[in-house]
C-alpha atoms as a PDB file:
ATOM      1  CA  MET A   1      95.898 184.379 -62.228  1.00  0.00           C
ATOM      2  CA  ILE A   2      92.720 182.335 -62.181  1.00  0.00           C
ATOM      3  CA  HIS A   3      94.611 179.420 -60.535  1.00  0.00           C
ATOM      4  CA  LYS A   4      95.703 181.954 -57.972  1.00  0.00           C
ATOM      5  CA  ILE A   5      92.263 183.049 -57.158  1.00  0.00           C
ATOM      6  CA  GLU A   6      91.030 179.353 -57.025  1.00  0.00           C
ATOM      7  CA  MET A   7      93.702 178.476 -54.626  1.00  0.00           C
ATOM      8  CA  ASN A   8      92.848 181.233 -52.356  1.00  0.00           C
ATOM      9  CA  THR A   9      89.226 180.395 -52.331  1.00  0.00           C
ATOM     10  CA  LYS A  10      90.145 176.790 -51.313  1.00  0.00           C
ATOM     11  CA  ASP A  11      92.489 177.892 -48.797  1.00  0.00           C
ATOM     12  CA  LYS A  12      89.631 180.162 -47.279  1.00  0.00           C
ATOM     13  CA  ILE A  13      87.200 177.341 -47.271  1.00  0.00           C
ATOM     14  CA  LEU A  14      89.862 174.969 -45.698  1.00  0.00           C
ATOM     15  CA  GLU A  15      90.548 177.468 -43.099  1.00  0.00           C
ATOM     16  CA  ALA A  16      86.974 178.209 -42.157  1.00  0.00           C
ATOM     17  CA  ALA A  17      86.285 174.177 -42.038  1.00  0.00           C
ATOM     18  CA  VAL A  18      89.149 173.522 -39.625  1.00  0.00           C
ATOM     19  CA  LYS A  19      88.140 176.487 -37.486  1.00  0.00           C
ATOM     20  CA  LEU A  20      84.520 174.990 -37.442  1.00  0.00           C
ATOM     21  CA  PHE A  21      85.434 171.377 -37.062  1.00  0.00           C
ATOM     22  CA  THR A  22      87.768 172.328 -34.112  1.00  0.00           C
ATOM     23  CA  GLU A  23      85.033 174.451 -32.388  1.00  0.00           C
ATOM     24  CA  ASN A  24      81.832 172.475 -33.134  1.00  0.00           C
ATOM     25  CA  GLY A  25      82.983 169.227 -34.101  1.00  0.00           C
ATOM     26  CA  PHE A  26      82.960 167.266 -37.397  1.00  0.00           C
ATOM     27  CA  HIS A  27      79.464 166.085 -37.216  1.00  0.00           C
ATOM     28  CA  GLU A  28      77.991 169.326 -35.777  1.00  0.00           C
ATOM     29  CA  THR A  29      79.387 171.317 -38.729  1.00  0.00           C
ATOM     30  CA  SER A  30      77.438 171.920 -41.693  1.00  0.00           C
ATOM     31  CA  MET A  31      78.415 172.849 -45.322  1.00  0.00           C
ATOM     32  CA  ALA A  32      76.296 175.501 -44.931  1.00  0.00           C
ATOM     33  CA  ALA A  33      77.899 176.839 -42.142  1.00  0.00           C
ATOM     34  CA  ILE A  34      81.284 176.428 -43.626  1.00  0.00           C
ATOM     35  CA  ALA A  35      80.514 178.457 -46.647  1.00  0.00           C
ATOM     36  CA  GLU A  36      79.139 181.182 -44.365  1.00  0.00           C
ATOM     37  CA  GLU A  37      82.338 181.212 -42.342  1.00  0.00           C
ATOM     38  CA  ALA A  38      84.476 181.678 -45.467  1.00  0.00           C
ATOM     39  CA  GLY A  39      82.253 184.217 -46.693  1.00  0.00           C
ATOM     40  CA  LEU A  40      81.174 182.372 -49.746  1.00  0.00           C
ATOM     41  CA  GLY A  41      78.110 181.002 -51.417  1.00  0.00           C
ATOM     42  CA  LYS A  42      77.266 177.307 -51.022  1.00  0.00           C
ATOM     43  CA  GLY A  43      77.527 176.834 -54.830  1.00  0.00           C
ATOM     44  CA  THR A  44      81.217 178.004 -54.597  1.00  0.00           C
ATOM     45  CA  LEU A  45      81.736 175.744 -51.798  1.00  0.00           C
ATOM     46  CA  TYR A  46      80.363 172.578 -53.528  1.00  0.00           C
ATOM     47  CA  TRP A  47      82.224 173.923 -56.666  1.00  0.00           C
ATOM     48  CA  HIS A  48      85.679 173.017 -54.672  1.00  0.00           C
ATOM     49  CA  PHE A  49      84.500 170.110 -52.385  1.00  0.00           C
ATOM     50  CA  SER A  50      81.549 167.736 -53.298  1.00  0.00           C
ATOM     51  CA  SER A  51      81.094 166.514 -49.677  1.00  0.00           C
ATOM     52  CA  LYS A  52      82.306 167.378 -46.056  1.00  0.00           C
ATOM     53  CA  ASP A  53      84.294 164.074 -46.025  1.00  0.00           C
ATOM     54  CA  GLU A  54      86.289 165.368 -49.172  1.00  0.00           C
ATOM     55  CA  LEU A  55      86.631 168.669 -47.445  1.00  0.00           C
ATOM     56  CA  PHE A  56      88.055 167.070 -44.224  1.00  0.00           C
ATOM     57  CA  GLY A  57      90.176 164.800 -46.384  1.00  0.00           C
ATOM     58  CA  GLU A  58      91.867 167.743 -47.956  1.00  0.00           C
ATOM     59  CA  ALA A  59      92.265 169.355 -44.584  1.00  0.00           C
ATOM     60  CA  VAL A  60      93.986 166.289 -43.216  1.00  0.00           C
ATOM     61  CA  ILE A  61      96.302 165.866 -46.406  1.00  0.00           C
ATOM     62  CA  ARG A  62      97.604 169.743 -46.170  1.00  0.00           C
ATOM     63  CA  GLY A  63      98.199 169.329 -42.552  1.00  0.00           C
ATOM     64  CA  GLY A  64      99.895 165.936 -43.050  1.00  0.00           C
ATOM     65  CA  ARG A  65     102.158 167.366 -45.926  1.00  0.00           C
ATOM     66  CA  LYS A  66     103.077 170.224 -43.409  1.00  0.00           C
ATOM     67  CA  ILE A  67     104.017 167.704 -40.606  1.00  0.00           C
ATOM     68  CA  ILE A  68     106.011 165.391 -43.031  1.00  0.00           C
ATOM     69  CA  LYS A  69     108.062 168.309 -44.573  1.00  0.00           C
ATOM     70  CA  GLU A  70     108.754 169.903 -41.068  1.00  0.00           C
ATOM     71  CA  THR A  71     109.763 166.294 -39.851  1.00  0.00           C
ATOM     72  CA  HIS A  72     112.084 165.787 -42.934  1.00  0.00           C
ATOM     73  CA  ASN A  73     113.672 169.190 -42.545  1.00  0.00           C
ATOM     74  CA  PHE A  74     114.233 168.834 -38.967  1.00  0.00           C
ATOM     75  CA  ILE A  75     115.792 165.420 -39.004  1.00  0.00           C
ATOM     76  CA  ILE A  76     118.209 166.796 -41.921  1.00  0.00           C
ATOM     77  CA  GLN A  77     119.095 169.765 -39.763  1.00  0.00           C
ATOM     78  CA  GLU A  78     119.707 167.688 -36.413  1.00  0.00           C
ATOM     79  CA  ASN A  79     121.697 164.957 -38.442  1.00  0.00           C
ATOM     80  CA  LYS A  80     124.828 167.363 -38.659  1.00  0.00           C
ATOM     81  CA  GLY A  81     126.993 165.634 -36.056  1.00  0.00           C
ATOM     82  CA  GLN A  82     124.657 164.567 -33.518  1.00  0.00           C
ATOM     83  CA  SER A  83     124.234 160.996 -32.263  1.00  0.00           C
ATOM     84  CA  ALA A  84     121.047 159.074 -33.406  1.00  0.00           C
ATOM     85  CA  GLY A  85     119.987 158.944 -29.639  1.00  0.00           C
ATOM     86  CA  ASP A  86     120.107 162.712 -29.561  1.00  0.00           C
ATOM     87  CA  ILE A  87     118.176 163.003 -32.991  1.00  0.00           C
ATOM     88  CA  LEU A  88     115.520 160.589 -31.650  1.00  0.00           C
ATOM     89  CA  LYS A  89     114.975 162.950 -28.419  1.00  0.00           C
ATOM     90  CA  SER A  90     114.665 166.058 -30.530  1.00  0.00           C
ATOM     91  CA  PHE A  91     112.088 164.202 -32.697  1.00  0.00           C
ATOM     92  CA  PHE A  92     110.227 163.368 -29.713  1.00  0.00           C
ATOM     93  CA  ARG A  93     110.438 166.933 -28.232  1.00  0.00           C
ATOM     94  CA  LEU A  94     109.368 168.309 -31.667  1.00  0.00           C
ATOM     95  CA  ASN A  95     106.331 166.013 -31.696  1.00  0.00           C
ATOM     96  CA  PHE A  96     105.072 166.784 -28.154  1.00  0.00           C
ATOM     97  CA  LYS A  97     105.568 170.687 -28.948  1.00  0.00           C
ATOM     98  CA  ARG A  98     103.576 170.435 -31.979  1.00  0.00           C
ATOM     99  CA  ILE A  99     100.692 168.541 -29.861  1.00  0.00           C
ATOM    100  CA  TYR A 100     100.731 171.275 -27.349  1.00  0.00           C
ATOM    101  CA  ARG A 101     100.457 174.047 -29.919  1.00  0.00           C
ATOM    102  CA  ASN A 102      97.699 172.181 -31.994  1.00  0.00           C
ATOM    103  CA  LYS A 103      95.710 170.489 -29.073  1.00  0.00           C
ATOM    104  CA  LYS A 104      92.134 171.377 -30.324  1.00  0.00           C
ATOM    105  CA  VAL A 105      93.008 170.181 -33.764  1.00  0.00           C
ATOM    106  CA  ILE A 106      94.534 167.034 -32.698  1.00  0.00           C
ATOM    107  CA  GLY A 107      91.697 166.544 -30.248  1.00  0.00           C
ATOM    108  CA  LEU A 108      89.284 166.915 -33.247  1.00  0.00           C
ATOM    109  CA  PHE A 109      91.131 164.028 -35.013  1.00  0.00           C
ATOM    110  CA  THR A 110      91.467 161.945 -31.760  1.00  0.00           C
ATOM    111  CA  ASN A 111      87.772 162.268 -30.934  1.00  0.00           C
ATOM    112  CA  THR A 112      86.231 161.712 -34.393  1.00  0.00           C
ATOM    113  CA  GLU A 113      88.641 159.181 -35.931  1.00  0.00           C
ATOM    114  CA  SER A 114      86.361 156.096 -35.754  1.00  0.00           C
ATOM    115  CA  TYR A 115      83.862 158.077 -38.038  1.00  0.00           C
ATOM    116  CA  PHE A 116      86.430 158.880 -40.681  1.00  0.00           C
ATOM    117  CA  SER A 117      85.587 157.648 -44.132  1.00  0.00           C
ATOM    118  CA  SER A 118      87.815 154.717 -45.409  1.00  0.00           C
ATOM    119  CA  ASP A 119      89.488 157.382 -47.808  1.00  0.00           C
ATOM    120  CA  VAL A 120      90.452 159.661 -44.854  1.00  0.00           C
ATOM    121  CA  LYS A 121      91.785 156.649 -42.714  1.00  0.00           C
ATOM    122  CA  LYS A 122      94.001 155.873 -45.777  1.00  0.00           C
ATOM    123  CA  ILE A 123      95.449 159.354 -45.880  1.00  0.00           C
ATOM    124  CA  PHE A 124      96.054 158.955 -42.086  1.00  0.00           C
ATOM    125  CA  PHE A 125      97.978 155.840 -42.799  1.00  0.00           C
ATOM    126  CA  LYS A 126     100.009 157.427 -45.574  1.00  0.00           C
ATOM    127  CA  ILE A 127     100.866 160.044 -43.354  1.00  0.00           C
ATOM    128  CA  HIS A 128     101.887 157.976 -40.391  1.00  0.00           C
ATOM    129  CA  SER A 129     103.999 155.734 -42.906  1.00  0.00           C
ATOM    130  CA  ALA A 130     105.821 158.686 -44.365  1.00  0.00           C
ATOM    131  CA  ILE A 131     106.831 159.817 -40.848  1.00  0.00           C
ATOM    132  CA  ALA A 132     107.882 156.341 -39.932  1.00  0.00           C
ATOM    133  CA  SER A 133     110.174 156.552 -43.050  1.00  0.00           C
ATOM    134  CA  GLU A 134     111.793 159.542 -41.422  1.00  0.00           C
ATOM    135  CA  VAL A 135     112.123 157.898 -38.114  1.00  0.00           C
ATOM    136  CA  GLU A 136     113.659 154.748 -39.735  1.00  0.00           C
ATOM    137  CA  GLU A 137     116.688 156.853 -41.053  1.00  0.00           C
ATOM    138  CA  ILE A 138     117.369 157.756 -37.299  1.00  0.00           C
ATOM    139  CA  ILE A 139     117.452 154.228 -36.617  1.00  0.00           C
ATOM    140  CA  LYS A 140     119.553 153.210 -39.435  1.00  0.00           C
ATOM    141  CA  LEU A 141     121.874 155.975 -38.332  1.00  0.00           C
ATOM    142  CA  GLY A 142     121.878 154.553 -34.679  1.00  0.00           C
ATOM    143  CA  ILE A 143     122.724 150.922 -36.010  1.00  0.00           C
ATOM    144  CA  LYS A 144     125.508 151.967 -38.384  1.00  0.00           C
ATOM    145  CA  ASN A 145     126.998 153.949 -35.344  1.00  0.00           C
ATOM    146  CA  GLY A 146     126.680 151.212 -32.916  1.00  0.00           C
ATOM    147  CA  GLU A 147     124.239 153.174 -30.695  1.00  0.00           C
ATOM    148  CA  PHE A 148     121.286 150.879 -31.337  1.00  0.00           C
ATOM    149  CA  ARG A 149     121.273 146.883 -31.613  1.00  0.00           C
ATOM    150  CA  ASN A 150     120.811 145.457 -35.083  1.00  0.00           C
ATOM    151  CA  ILE A 151     116.978 145.164 -35.455  1.00  0.00           C
ATOM    152  CA  SER A 152     114.460 145.826 -38.164  1.00  0.00           C
ATOM    153  CA  SER A 153     114.688 149.586 -38.483  1.00  0.00           C
ATOM    154  CA  ARG A 154     111.214 149.666 -40.079  1.00  0.00           C
ATOM    155  CA  LYS A 155     109.493 147.909 -37.237  1.00  0.00           C
ATOM    156  CA  ALA A 156     111.140 150.149 -34.739  1.00  0.00           C
ATOM    157  CA  ALA A 157     110.204 153.221 -36.409  1.00  0.00           C
ATOM    158  CA  ILE A 158     106.546 152.067 -36.751  1.00  0.00           C
ATOM    159  CA  PHE A 159     106.540 151.172 -33.072  1.00  0.00           C
ATOM    160  CA  ILE A 160     107.863 154.676 -32.412  1.00  0.00           C
ATOM    161  CA  VAL A 161     105.407 156.398 -34.414  1.00  0.00           C
ATOM    162  CA  GLY A 162     102.739 154.364 -32.545  1.00  0.00           C
ATOM    163  CA  SER A 163     103.905 155.264 -29.260  1.00  0.00           C
ATOM    164  CA  LEU A 164     103.969 158.831 -30.124  1.00  0.00           C
ATOM    165  CA  GLY A 165     100.445 158.611 -31.241  1.00  0.00           C
ATOM    166  CA  ALA A 166      99.443 156.832 -27.962  1.00  0.00           C
ATOM    167  CA  MET A 167     100.954 159.659 -25.907  1.00  0.00           C
ATOM    168  CA  ASN A 168      98.523 162.121 -27.839  1.00  0.00           C
ATOM    169  CA  GLY A 169      95.710 161.028 -25.508  1.00  0.00           C
ATOM    170  CA  ILE A 170      97.855 161.489 -22.418  1.00  0.00           C
ATOM    171  CA  ILE A 171      98.851 165.044 -23.311  1.00  0.00           C
ATOM    172  CA  LEU A 172      95.402 166.048 -24.373  1.00  0.00           C
ATOM    173  CA  GLU A 173      93.539 164.574 -21.326  1.00  0.00           C
ATOM    174  CA  ASP A 174      96.092 165.355 -18.768  1.00  0.00           C
ATOM    175  CA  ASP A 175      97.400 168.867 -19.729  1.00  0.00           C
ATOM    176  CA  MET A 176     101.099 168.004 -18.889  1.00  0.00           C
ATOM    177  CA  GLU A 177     103.438 170.736 -19.490  1.00  0.00           C
ATOM    178  CA  ASP A 178     106.684 169.052 -18.556  1.00  0.00           C
ATOM    179  CA  ILE A 179     107.646 168.042 -22.187  1.00  0.00           C
ATOM    180  CA  GLU A 180     111.188 166.966 -20.963  1.00  0.00           C
ATOM    181  CA  GLU A 181     109.886 164.467 -18.590  1.00  0.00           C
ATOM    182  CA  LEU A 182     107.944 162.952 -21.522  1.00  0.00           C
ATOM    183  CA  VAL A 183     110.575 162.886 -23.883  1.00  0.00           C
ATOM    184  CA  GLU A 184     112.970 161.312 -21.208  1.00  0.00           C
ATOM    185  CA  SER A 185     110.152 158.735 -20.305  1.00  0.00           C
ATOM    186  CA  LEU A 186     109.386 157.712 -23.840  1.00  0.00           C
ATOM    187  CA  TYR A 187     113.162 157.646 -24.958  1.00  0.00           C
ATOM    188  CA  ASP A 188     113.876 155.388 -21.923  1.00  0.00           C
ATOM    189  CA  LEU A 189     111.107 153.077 -22.806  1.00  0.00           C
ATOM    190  CA  VAL A 190     112.021 152.797 -26.319  1.00  0.00           C
ATOM    191  CA  LEU A 191     115.790 152.175 -25.652  1.00  0.00           C
ATOM    192  CA  LYS A 192     115.623 150.115 -22.700  1.00  0.00           C
ATOM    193  CA  GLY A 193     111.962 148.523 -22.541  1.00  0.00           C
ATOM    194  CA  ILE A 194     110.420 147.722 -19.426  1.00  0.00           C
ATOM    195  CA  GLN A 195     112.735 144.791 -18.357  1.00  0.00           C
ATOM    196  CA  GLU A 196     114.646 145.144 -14.940  1.00  0.00           C
ATOM    197  CA  GLU A 197     118.438 145.739 -15.887  1.00  0.00           C
ATOM    198  CA  GLY A 198     120.512 142.460 -15.445  1.00  0.00           C
ATOM    199  CA  ARG A 199     117.730 140.041 -16.315  1.00  0.00           C
END
C-alpha cells in the first residue's frame, strides 16, 4: 500500500513537471512551481527527486520506455505477413503521428537538448539505441526476404533512426499535415538514396 501511494505521488510530480516544462521551458520552471502544480510540499518533492535534472531524467526514461514498448509491439504486430518495406513505412508513419500528437513535448526536448546533463544525454542515447535495435529487425527481415541488399543492418537502422530525428525539426517548424507525403519521401530516400537511376 505504501509503495502504491509513493508511485502515485511520483506520477503526480512527473505529470506536473512535464506540464510546466512544456508550457514554460526547462530553465524557467522551478522545483517550487512543480511542487505547487502537483499540490505537494517542496519537502515531498525533494524526497522523491533531489534535483530538476533528476526529475527531467526520470520523465525522459518513462517516456522512452513507452516509445520503445510501443515500437516493439507495433513491429511484432506488423510483422505478421507484411513485407519489410511495408513494415518500414508503417514504422515511419507511427513515428510521424507520435510527433504530431506530442509536438509541445518534443519541442521541449529539441529546444533544450544542448543544456541536458550528461546523464540525461546518456538516457537519450540508450532510447535511440533501443529503437535502432527494433528497426534493425526490420532491415534483417528485408535482407532475408531479398527486398534489401546485404548491408550492415545495424548501421542502416542507426541511419534511419537518425533521419527520423532530423525530420522532427521539419514537422515542428513547418506544421506539415501530410504524413503520407513525409512517409513516402523518407522511404524513397532511405531505399533509393539521391543518385539518379541508372548512374
